[in-house]
Amino acid sequence: MKKILLYIFIAIAVVGLVFNLDMVLNMILSSLIFILVLGAVLYAVYYFFILTPSQRQYRRAVRKSKRKYKKRK
């Protein structure tokens, strides 16, 4: 009897998930987009307002150097 109730409960949960799948996926997708945009804005603030011009220049040189030596391998 307990197994039957468990299977019924699982079946109801699956049916509910299938019917609300579009809403759940939409919420997940919008959350991911919001997190990506927020991260990009925070990085831009950090890059343009917190780093000094010499630090930015150093970071560009490091990226360029990494790309140059990555191609050699």
Foldseek 3Di string as FASTA:
>chain_A
DVVVVVVVVVVVVVVVCVVCVVVVVVVVVVVVVVVVVVVVVVVVCCQPPVDDPVVNVVVVVVVVVVVVVVVVD
